[in-house]
Amino acid sequence: MGTSYGSGVVARGGTAEQSTGGRPRVVAPPAPPVATGTGNGDGIVPAASLSRPARLQGDDPCGGFYPNEATADSGSAAVSLVVLPSGKVARASVASESPSGQGFGAAARRCLTASSFTPALDKSGRSVAAEVTVRVRFSR
């Protein structure tokens, strides 16, 4: 992962500079994406073999996913996803959340699992399965 992250709503190709006024903000994954594919038959293409990482579609895919149980006014979560060549999410796991125990990780996972992605491309331009980590920041 990179050493810093921007903030804003992910739009195709970048991040917004302004707050979303109480809605979650998705922060674009660092480039290159985190990849765990080993080439040993798991079907996940390693980041070094990609010409383009998977990208989240939509301007505000996580609107309405603020966790009801959260008492904090803000939080964040990082979710590791395997995105298939179709753009659908095959696997999602919470890598981290802050503050813990308030549902931010679960909310981000639900949101991102239901979202559409532009699939990753290999060096020859074919859609492939790849792993990417997406950060979601929540604020009331």
N, C-alpha and C. Protein backbone atom coordinates (compact mmCIF):
# COMPACT_ATOMS: atom_id res chain seq x y z
N MET A 1 0.83 -1.17 0.00
CA MET A 1 0.00 0.00 0.00
C MET A 1 0.88 1.24 0.00
N GLY A 2 0.31 2.33 -0.47
CA GLY A 2 1.03 3.59 -0.47
C GLY A 2 1.15 4.14 0.93
N THR A 3 1.87 5.23 1.06
CA THR A 3 2.08 5.81 2.38
C THR A 3 1.07 6.88 2.71
N SER A 4 0.29 7.34 1.75
CA SER A 4 -0.72 8.35 2.05
C SER A 4 -1.91 8.16 1.13
N TYR A 5 -3.03 8.73 1.55
CA TYR A 5 -4.26 8.61 0.79
C TYR A 5 -4.94 9.96 0.71
N GLY A 6 -5.56 10.23 -0.41
CA GLY A 6 -6.33 11.45 -0.57
C GLY A 6 -7.71 11.25 0.00
N SER A 7 -8.53 12.26 -0.11
CA SER A 7 -9.90 12.10 0.34
C SER A 7 -10.82 12.65 -0.74
N GLY A 8 -12.07 12.25 -0.69
CA GLY A 8 -13.05 12.71 -1.65
C GLY A 8 -13.83 11.54 -2.20
N VAL A 9 -14.84 11.84 -2.96
CA VAL A 9 -15.67 10.81 -3.57
C VAL A 9 -14.96 10.35 -4.83
N VAL A 10 -14.88 9.06 -5.00
CA VAL A 10 -14.22 8.56 -6.20
C VAL A 10 -15.12 8.81 -7.39
N ALA A 11 -14.59 9.43 -8.36
CA ALA A 11 -15.24 9.58 -9.65
C ALA A 11 -14.38 8.78 -10.62
N ARG A 12 -14.90 8.45 -11.77
CA ARG A 12 -14.08 7.71 -12.72
C ARG A 12 -12.80 8.46 -12.96
N GLY A 13 -11.70 7.79 -12.69
CA GLY A 13 -10.40 8.37 -12.98
C GLY A 13 -9.82 9.27 -11.91
N GLY A 14 -10.43 9.40 -10.72
CA GLY A 14 -9.80 10.26 -9.73
C GLY A 14 -10.61 10.39 -8.46
N THR A 15 -10.23 11.36 -7.63
CA THR A 15 -10.94 11.60 -6.39
C THR A 15 -11.39 13.05 -6.32
N ALA A 16 -12.48 13.28 -5.64
CA ALA A 16 -12.98 14.63 -5.46
C ALA A 16 -12.21 15.33 -4.36
N GLU A 17 -12.24 16.65 -4.34
CA GLU A 17 -11.53 17.43 -3.33
C GLU A 17 -12.45 17.84 -2.18
N GLN A 18 -13.74 17.76 -2.34
CA GLN A 18 -14.68 18.27 -1.34
C GLN A 18 -15.32 17.15 -0.55
N SER A 19 -15.75 17.48 0.67
CA SER A 19 -16.47 16.53 1.51
C SER A 19 -17.83 16.23 0.89
N THR A 20 -18.39 15.08 1.24
CA THR A 20 -19.69 14.68 0.70
C THR A 20 -20.82 15.01 1.67
N GLY A 21 -20.55 15.76 2.72
CA GLY A 21 -21.61 16.20 3.61
C GLY A 21 -22.33 15.08 4.32
N GLY A 22 -21.61 14.25 5.03
CA GLY A 22 -22.24 13.22 5.83
C GLY A 22 -22.37 11.88 5.15
N ARG A 23 -21.83 11.73 3.97
CA ARG A 23 -21.90 10.44 3.28
C ARG A 23 -20.51 9.86 3.19
N PRO A 24 -20.41 8.54 3.01
CA PRO A 24 -19.09 7.92 2.90
C PRO A 24 -18.34 8.44 1.68
N ARG A 25 -17.04 8.48 1.79
CA ARG A 25 -16.19 8.85 0.67
C ARG A 25 -15.30 7.68 0.36
N VAL A 26 -15.22 7.31 -0.89
CA VAL A 26 -14.36 6.21 -1.31
C VAL A 26 -13.06 6.82 -1.79
N VAL A 27 -11.98 6.30 -1.29
CA VAL A 27 -10.68 6.79 -1.69
C VAL A 27 -10.08 5.80 -2.66
N ALA A 28 -9.62 6.31 -3.79
CA ALA A 28 -9.07 5.45 -4.84
C ALA A 28 -7.90 4.64 -4.30
N PRO A 29 -7.75 3.40 -4.77
CA PRO A 29 -6.64 2.58 -4.31
C PRO A 29 -5.32 3.13 -4.82
N PRO A 30 -4.25 2.91 -4.07
CA PRO A 30 -2.95 3.35 -4.55
C PRO A 30 -2.55 2.55 -5.78
N ALA A 31 -1.72 3.09 -6.60
CA ALA A 31 -1.23 2.36 -7.78
C ALA A 31 0.19 1.93 -7.50
N PRO A 32 0.59 0.72 -7.77
CA PRO A 32 -0.23 -0.36 -8.29
C PRO A 32 -1.10 -0.95 -7.19
N PRO A 33 -2.18 -1.64 -7.57
CA PRO A 33 -3.04 -2.22 -6.56
C PRO A 33 -2.34 -3.36 -5.82
N VAL A 34 -2.86 -3.63 -4.64
CA VAL A 34 -2.35 -4.77 -3.89
C VAL A 34 -2.80 -6.03 -4.60
N ALA A 35 -1.89 -6.93 -4.86
CA ALA A 35 -2.25 -8.17 -5.54
C ALA A 35 -1.59 -9.33 -4.84
N THR A 36 -2.34 -10.43 -4.71
CA THR A 36 -1.78 -11.60 -4.06
C THR A 36 -1.68 -12.78 -5.00
N GLY A 37 -2.05 -12.59 -6.24
CA GLY A 37 -1.97 -13.69 -7.20
C GLY A 37 -0.54 -14.17 -7.33
N THR A 38 -0.38 -15.47 -7.33
CA THR A 38 0.97 -16.03 -7.36
C THR A 38 1.27 -16.76 -8.65
N GLY A 39 0.27 -16.84 -9.52
CA GLY A 39 0.48 -17.58 -10.76
C GLY A 39 0.45 -19.08 -10.54
N ASN A 40 -0.03 -19.53 -9.38
CA ASN A 40 -0.05 -20.95 -9.08
C ASN A 40 -1.45 -21.55 -9.25
N GLY A 41 -2.25 -20.96 -10.13
CA GLY A 41 -3.57 -21.52 -10.38
C GLY A 41 -4.69 -20.86 -9.63
N ASP A 42 -4.42 -19.81 -8.84
CA ASP A 42 -5.51 -19.16 -8.11
C ASP A 42 -6.32 -18.24 -9.02
N GLY A 43 -5.84 -17.98 -10.25
CA GLY A 43 -6.58 -17.18 -11.21
C GLY A 43 -6.45 -15.68 -11.03
N ILE A 44 -5.80 -15.24 -9.98
CA ILE A 44 -5.63 -13.81 -9.73
C ILE A 44 -4.32 -13.37 -10.36
N VAL A 45 -4.40 -12.37 -11.22
CA VAL A 45 -3.21 -11.89 -11.92
C VAL A 45 -2.44 -10.92 -11.00
N PRO A 46 -1.15 -11.13 -10.83
CA PRO A 46 -0.35 -10.24 -9.97
C PRO A 46 -0.32 -8.82 -10.52
N ALA A 47 -0.19 -7.84 -9.63
CA ALA A 47 -0.18 -6.43 -10.01
C ALA A 47 0.88 -6.13 -11.05
N ALA A 48 2.03 -6.76 -10.97
CA ALA A 48 3.12 -6.51 -11.92
C ALA A 48 2.76 -6.92 -13.34
N SER A 49 1.75 -7.77 -13.49
CA SER A 49 1.34 -8.24 -14.81
C SER A 49 0.13 -7.49 -15.36
N LEU A 50 -0.29 -6.42 -14.67
CA LEU A 50 -1.45 -5.66 -15.11
C LEU A 50 -1.04 -4.41 -15.89
N SER A 51 -1.83 -4.07 -16.90
CA SER A 51 -1.64 -2.79 -17.57
C SER A 51 -2.59 -1.75 -16.98
N ARG A 52 -3.64 -2.23 -16.28
CA ARG A 52 -4.59 -1.33 -15.61
C ARG A 52 -5.20 -2.07 -14.43
N PRO A 53 -5.23 -1.45 -13.24
CA PRO A 53 -5.89 -2.08 -12.10
C PRO A 53 -7.41 -2.00 -12.22
N ALA A 54 -8.11 -2.80 -11.44
CA ALA A 54 -9.56 -2.71 -11.37
C ALA A 54 -9.93 -1.34 -10.79
N ARG A 55 -11.03 -0.77 -11.28
CA ARG A 55 -11.46 0.55 -10.82
C ARG A 55 -12.93 0.52 -10.43
N LEU A 56 -13.24 1.22 -9.37
CA LEU A 56 -14.61 1.35 -8.90
C LEU A 56 -15.39 2.26 -9.84
N GLN A 57 -16.60 1.86 -10.22
CA GLN A 57 -17.45 2.68 -11.08
C GLN A 57 -18.42 3.49 -10.23
N GLY A 58 -18.85 4.61 -10.73
CA GLY A 58 -19.86 5.41 -10.05
C GLY A 58 -19.26 6.53 -9.23
N ASP A 59 -20.04 7.59 -9.07
CA ASP A 59 -19.58 8.76 -8.34
C ASP A 59 -19.71 8.60 -6.83
N ASP A 60 -20.74 7.90 -6.37
CA ASP A 60 -20.97 7.76 -4.93
C ASP A 60 -21.56 6.40 -4.62
N PRO A 61 -20.79 5.34 -4.85
CA PRO A 61 -21.35 4.00 -4.69
C PRO A 61 -21.69 3.62 -3.25
N CYS A 62 -21.12 4.32 -2.26
CA CYS A 62 -21.35 3.94 -0.86
C CYS A 62 -22.32 4.86 -0.14
N GLY A 63 -23.00 5.74 -0.86
CA GLY A 63 -24.00 6.59 -0.22
C GLY A 63 -25.06 5.74 0.45
N GLY A 64 -25.42 6.07 1.68
CA GLY A 64 -26.45 5.33 2.39
C GLY A 64 -25.94 4.11 3.15
N PHE A 65 -24.64 3.90 3.21
CA PHE A 65 -24.09 2.74 3.90
C PHE A 65 -23.47 3.09 5.26
N TYR A 66 -23.70 4.29 5.80
CA TYR A 66 -23.14 4.64 7.11
C TYR A 66 -23.69 3.66 8.14
N PRO A 67 -22.83 3.06 8.95
CA PRO A 67 -23.32 2.03 9.89
C PRO A 67 -24.24 2.61 10.97
N ASN A 68 -25.40 2.01 11.14
CA ASN A 68 -26.37 2.46 12.15
C ASN A 68 -25.82 2.36 13.55
N GLU A 69 -24.98 1.36 13.81
CA GLU A 69 -24.47 1.14 15.17
C GLU A 69 -23.32 2.07 15.54
N ALA A 70 -22.81 2.85 14.61
CA ALA A 70 -21.65 3.71 14.87
C ALA A 70 -22.03 4.86 15.79
N THR A 71 -21.22 5.06 16.81
CA THR A 71 -21.39 6.22 17.69
C THR A 71 -20.41 7.33 17.32
N ALA A 72 -19.36 6.98 16.58
CA ALA A 72 -18.38 7.96 16.13
C ALA A 72 -18.95 8.74 14.95
N ASP A 73 -18.53 10.00 14.84
CA ASP A 73 -18.98 10.84 13.73
C ASP A 73 -18.20 10.61 12.45
N SER A 74 -17.13 9.83 12.54
CA SER A 74 -16.37 9.50 11.33
C SER A 74 -15.64 8.18 11.55
N GLY A 75 -15.28 7.57 10.45
CA GLY A 75 -14.54 6.31 10.51
C GLY A 75 -14.04 5.97 9.13
N SER A 76 -13.29 4.89 9.05
CA SER A 76 -12.76 4.46 7.77
C SER A 76 -12.56 2.95 7.78
N ALA A 77 -12.43 2.42 6.57
CA ALA A 77 -12.17 0.99 6.43
C ALA A 77 -11.41 0.76 5.14
N ALA A 78 -10.58 -0.26 5.14
CA ALA A 78 -9.90 -0.72 3.93
C ALA A 78 -10.41 -2.12 3.66
N VAL A 79 -10.83 -2.36 2.42
CA VAL A 79 -11.39 -3.65 2.05
C VAL A 79 -10.58 -4.21 0.89
N SER A 80 -10.12 -5.44 1.05
CA SER A 80 -9.39 -6.14 0.00
C SER A 80 -10.40 -6.91 -0.83
N LEU A 81 -10.39 -6.70 -2.15
CA LEU A 81 -11.36 -7.29 -3.05
C LEU A 81 -10.70 -8.08 -4.15
N VAL A 82 -11.32 -9.14 -4.59
CA VAL A 82 -10.94 -9.80 -5.82
C VAL A 82 -12.03 -9.45 -6.82
N VAL A 83 -11.64 -8.74 -7.88
CA VAL A 83 -12.57 -8.32 -8.92
C VAL A 83 -12.38 -9.24 -10.12
N LEU A 84 -13.47 -9.85 -10.57
CA LEU A 84 -13.45 -10.78 -11.71
C LEU A 84 -13.37 -10.03 -13.04
N PRO A 85 -13.07 -10.72 -14.13
CA PRO A 85 -13.05 -10.08 -15.44
C PRO A 85 -14.39 -9.43 -15.83
N SER A 86 -15.47 -9.88 -15.22
CA SER A 86 -16.80 -9.30 -15.48
C SER A 86 -17.00 -7.98 -14.75
N GLY A 87 -16.13 -7.64 -13.79
CA GLY A 87 -16.30 -6.44 -12.98
C GLY A 87 -17.04 -6.70 -11.68
N LYS A 88 -17.48 -7.93 -11.48
CA LYS A 88 -18.16 -8.29 -10.23
C LYS A 88 -17.13 -8.69 -9.18
N VAL A 89 -17.49 -8.48 -7.91
CA VAL A 89 -16.61 -8.83 -6.81
C VAL A 89 -16.81 -10.30 -6.45
N ALA A 90 -15.72 -11.05 -6.45
CA ALA A 90 -15.77 -12.47 -6.11
C ALA A 90 -15.51 -12.69 -4.63
N ARG A 91 -14.68 -11.85 -4.04
CA ARG A 91 -14.29 -12.04 -2.64
C ARG A 91 -13.99 -10.67 -2.05
N ALA A 92 -14.39 -10.47 -0.80
CA ALA A 92 -14.13 -9.20 -0.11
C ALA A 92 -13.84 -9.48 1.35
N SER A 93 -12.77 -8.88 1.85
CA SER A 93 -12.46 -9.02 3.26
C SER A 93 -11.97 -7.69 3.81
N VAL A 94 -12.36 -7.41 5.04
CA VAL A 94 -11.97 -6.17 5.69
C VAL A 94 -10.52 -6.29 6.12
N ALA A 95 -9.68 -5.39 5.61
CA ALA A 95 -8.26 -5.37 5.97
C ALA A 95 -8.04 -4.56 7.23
N SER A 96 -8.81 -3.47 7.40
CA SER A 96 -8.70 -2.65 8.60
C SER A 96 -9.92 -1.76 8.71
N GLU A 97 -10.19 -1.30 9.92
CA GLU A 97 -11.25 -0.32 10.15
C GLU A 97 -10.89 0.51 11.37
N SER A 98 -11.37 1.75 11.37
CA SER A 98 -11.10 2.65 12.48
C SER A 98 -12.27 3.63 12.62
N PRO A 99 -12.79 3.80 13.83
CA PRO A 99 -12.51 3.01 15.02
C PRO A 99 -13.11 1.62 14.90
N SER A 100 -12.49 0.68 15.56
CA SER A 100 -12.92 -0.70 15.44
C SER A 100 -14.21 -0.93 16.24
N GLY A 101 -14.96 -1.94 15.81
CA GLY A 101 -16.15 -2.36 16.52
C GLY A 101 -17.38 -1.49 16.31
N GLN A 102 -17.35 -0.56 15.35
CA GLN A 102 -18.52 0.31 15.12
C GLN A 102 -19.18 0.05 13.78
N GLY A 103 -18.74 -0.98 13.07
CA GLY A 103 -19.41 -1.39 11.85
C GLY A 103 -18.91 -0.76 10.56
N PHE A 104 -17.83 0.04 10.63
CA PHE A 104 -17.34 0.67 9.41
C PHE A 104 -16.80 -0.34 8.41
N GLY A 105 -16.11 -1.36 8.88
CA GLY A 105 -15.59 -2.38 7.98
C GLY A 105 -16.70 -3.15 7.31
N ALA A 106 -17.70 -3.56 8.07
CA ALA A 106 -18.82 -4.31 7.51
C ALA A 106 -19.61 -3.46 6.51
N ALA A 107 -19.81 -2.18 6.82
CA ALA A 107 -20.54 -1.29 5.91
C ALA A 107 -19.77 -1.11 4.61
N ALA A 108 -18.47 -0.92 4.69
CA ALA A 108 -17.65 -0.77 3.49
C ALA A 108 -17.66 -2.05 2.67
N ARG A 109 -17.58 -3.18 3.33
CA ARG A 109 -17.60 -4.47 2.63
C ARG A 109 -18.93 -4.66 1.90
N ARG A 110 -20.06 -4.38 2.57
CA ARG A 110 -21.38 -4.50 1.93
C ARG A 110 -21.48 -3.59 0.72
N CYS A 111 -21.06 -2.35 0.89
CA CYS A 111 -21.12 -1.38 -0.19
C CYS A 111 -20.30 -1.83 -1.39
N LEU A 112 -19.06 -2.19 -1.16
CA LEU A 112 -18.15 -2.52 -2.26
C LEU A 112 -18.52 -3.84 -2.93
N THR A 113 -19.06 -4.78 -2.18
CA THR A 113 -19.49 -6.05 -2.76
C THR A 113 -20.66 -5.83 -3.73
N ALA A 114 -21.49 -4.85 -3.44
CA ALA A 114 -22.64 -4.54 -4.29
C ALA A 114 -22.28 -3.60 -5.44
N SER A 115 -21.07 -3.09 -5.46
CA SER A 115 -20.65 -2.10 -6.47
C SER A 115 -20.15 -2.77 -7.74
N SER A 116 -20.13 -1.98 -8.81
CA SER A 116 -19.59 -2.43 -10.09
C SER A 116 -18.19 -1.87 -10.27
N PHE A 117 -17.34 -2.66 -10.87
CA PHE A 117 -15.96 -2.27 -11.12
C PHE A 117 -15.65 -2.40 -12.60
N THR A 118 -14.76 -1.56 -13.07
CA THR A 118 -14.15 -1.76 -14.37
C THR A 118 -13.04 -2.76 -14.12
N PRO A 119 -13.02 -3.89 -14.81
CA PRO A 119 -12.04 -4.93 -14.48
C PRO A 119 -10.61 -4.52 -14.81
N ALA A 120 -9.69 -5.19 -14.16
CA ALA A 120 -8.27 -5.02 -14.46
C ALA A 120 -7.97 -5.58 -15.83
N LEU A 121 -6.91 -5.06 -16.45
CA LEU A 121 -6.47 -5.58 -17.73
C LEU A 121 -5.05 -6.10 -17.61
N ASP A 122 -4.79 -7.22 -18.28
CA ASP A 122 -3.42 -7.72 -18.30
C ASP A 122 -2.62 -6.94 -19.35
N LYS A 123 -1.36 -7.28 -19.52
CA LYS A 123 -0.49 -6.54 -20.43
C LYS A 123 -0.94 -6.62 -21.88
N SER A 124 -1.74 -7.63 -22.23
CA SER A 124 -2.23 -7.73 -23.60
C SER A 124 -3.63 -7.14 -23.76
N GLY A 125 -4.15 -6.50 -22.70
CA GLY A 125 -5.43 -5.81 -22.79
C GLY A 125 -6.66 -6.64 -22.51
N ARG A 126 -6.48 -7.86 -22.02
CA ARG A 126 -7.62 -8.72 -21.68
C ARG A 126 -8.07 -8.47 -20.25
N SER A 127 -9.39 -8.51 -20.01
CA SER A 127 -9.94 -8.40 -18.66
C SER A 127 -9.52 -9.63 -17.86
N VAL A 128 -9.04 -9.39 -16.64
CA VAL A 128 -8.57 -10.49 -15.80
C VAL A 128 -9.03 -10.28 -14.36
N ALA A 129 -8.96 -11.34 -13.57
CA ALA A 129 -9.24 -11.25 -12.15
C ALA A 129 -8.00 -10.67 -11.45
N ALA A 130 -8.23 -9.73 -10.54
CA ALA A 130 -7.13 -9.11 -9.82
C ALA A 130 -7.62 -8.67 -8.45
N GLU A 131 -6.68 -8.54 -7.54
CA GLU A 131 -7.00 -8.06 -6.19
C GLU A 131 -6.66 -6.59 -6.09
N VAL A 132 -7.53 -5.85 -5.40
CA VAL A 132 -7.33 -4.42 -5.20
C VAL A 132 -7.83 -4.08 -3.79
N THR A 133 -7.20 -3.12 -3.16
CA THR A 133 -7.65 -2.65 -1.85
C THR A 133 -8.27 -1.27 -2.02
N VAL A 134 -9.48 -1.11 -1.51
CA VAL A 134 -10.22 0.15 -1.60
C VAL A 134 -10.45 0.67 -0.20
N ARG A 135 -10.20 1.95 0.00
CA ARG A 135 -10.45 2.60 1.29
C ARG A 135 -11.73 3.42 1.20
N VAL A 136 -12.55 3.31 2.24
CA VAL A 136 -13.78 4.09 2.34
C VAL A 136 -13.71 4.90 3.62
N ARG A 137 -13.97 6.18 3.52
CA ARG A 137 -14.01 7.06 4.70
C ARG A 137 -15.44 7.50 4.89
N PHE A 138 -15.90 7.42 6.13
CA PHE A 138 -17.26 7.77 6.48
C PHE A 138 -17.24 9.03 7.36
N SER A 139 -18.22 9.91 7.17
CA SER A 139 -18.41 11.04 8.09
C SER A 139 -19.88 11.41 8.09
N ARG A 140 -20.34 11.87 9.23
CA ARG A 140 -21.76 12.30 9.35
C ARG A 140 -21.91 13.70 8.84
